[in-house]
């Protein structure tokens, strides 16, 4: 899933809201790069799977 798509659709669960908040705050960081973003996103996806999300 594309993270921009995730942000566009209203996050329904607490997990989605947390992921979106993380992504948005990280992407607003001055040292942000798109590679970091995808690394972080991959970690979040792994986390979500661990939680059975």
Protein backbone atom coordinates (compact mmCIF):
# COMPACT_ATOMS: atom_id res chain seq x y z
CA UNK A 1 0.00 0.00 0.00
CA UNK A 2 1.14 3.51 -0.83
CA UNK A 3 1.57 5.67 2.28
CA UNK A 4 -0.01 8.67 0.54
CA UNK A 5 -3.05 6.52 -0.12
CA UNK A 6 -3.11 5.56 3.57
CA UNK A 7 -3.05 9.24 4.57
CA UNK A 8 -5.82 10.13 2.07
CA UNK A 9 -8.26 7.51 3.29
CA UNK A 10 -9.56 8.25 6.76
CA UNK A 11 -7.66 6.05 9.22
CA UNK A 12 -10.27 4.02 11.06
CA UNK A 13 -8.39 2.11 13.72
CA UNK A 14 -6.02 3.37 16.38
CA UNK A 15 -3.22 1.43 14.66
CA UNK A 16 -3.86 3.22 11.34
CA UNK A 17 -4.00 6.61 13.05
CA UNK A 18 -0.69 5.96 14.83
CA UNK A 19 0.99 4.80 11.62
CA UNK A 20 -0.26 7.87 9.74
CA UNK A 21 0.88 10.22 12.52
CA UNK A 22 4.34 8.60 12.52
CA UNK A 23 4.60 8.84 8.76
CA UNK A 24 3.45 12.47 8.63
CA UNK A 25 5.73 13.66 11.43
CA UNK A 26 8.71 11.79 9.96
CA UNK A 27 8.09 13.14 6.46
CA UNK A 28 7.99 16.68 7.88
CA UNK A 29 11.40 16.18 9.48
CA UNK A 30 14.18 18.36 7.95
CA UNK A 31 16.51 15.38 7.43
CA UNK A 32 13.78 13.34 5.80
CA UNK A 33 14.53 11.37 2.64
CA UNK A 34 12.22 9.08 0.71
CA UNK A 35 14.51 6.09 1.31
CA UNK A 36 14.26 6.59 5.06
CA UNK A 37 10.53 6.86 4.63
CA UNK A 38 10.24 3.48 2.95
CA UNK A 39 12.56 1.84 5.47
CA UNK A 40 10.40 3.20 8.28
CA UNK A 41 7.23 2.24 6.46
CA UNK A 42 8.50 -1.33 6.00
CA UNK A 43 9.21 -1.54 9.74
CA UNK A 44 5.70 -0.31 10.49
CA UNK A 45 4.22 -2.90 8.15
CA UNK A 46 6.24 -5.59 9.97
CA UNK A 47 4.97 -4.25 13.30
CA UNK A 48 1.40 -4.25 12.05
CA UNK A 49 1.75 -7.91 11.04
CA UNK A 50 3.11 -8.78 14.49
CA UNK A 51 0.01 -7.21 16.01
CA UNK A 52 -2.15 -9.22 13.63
CA UNK A 53 -3.29 -6.07 11.89
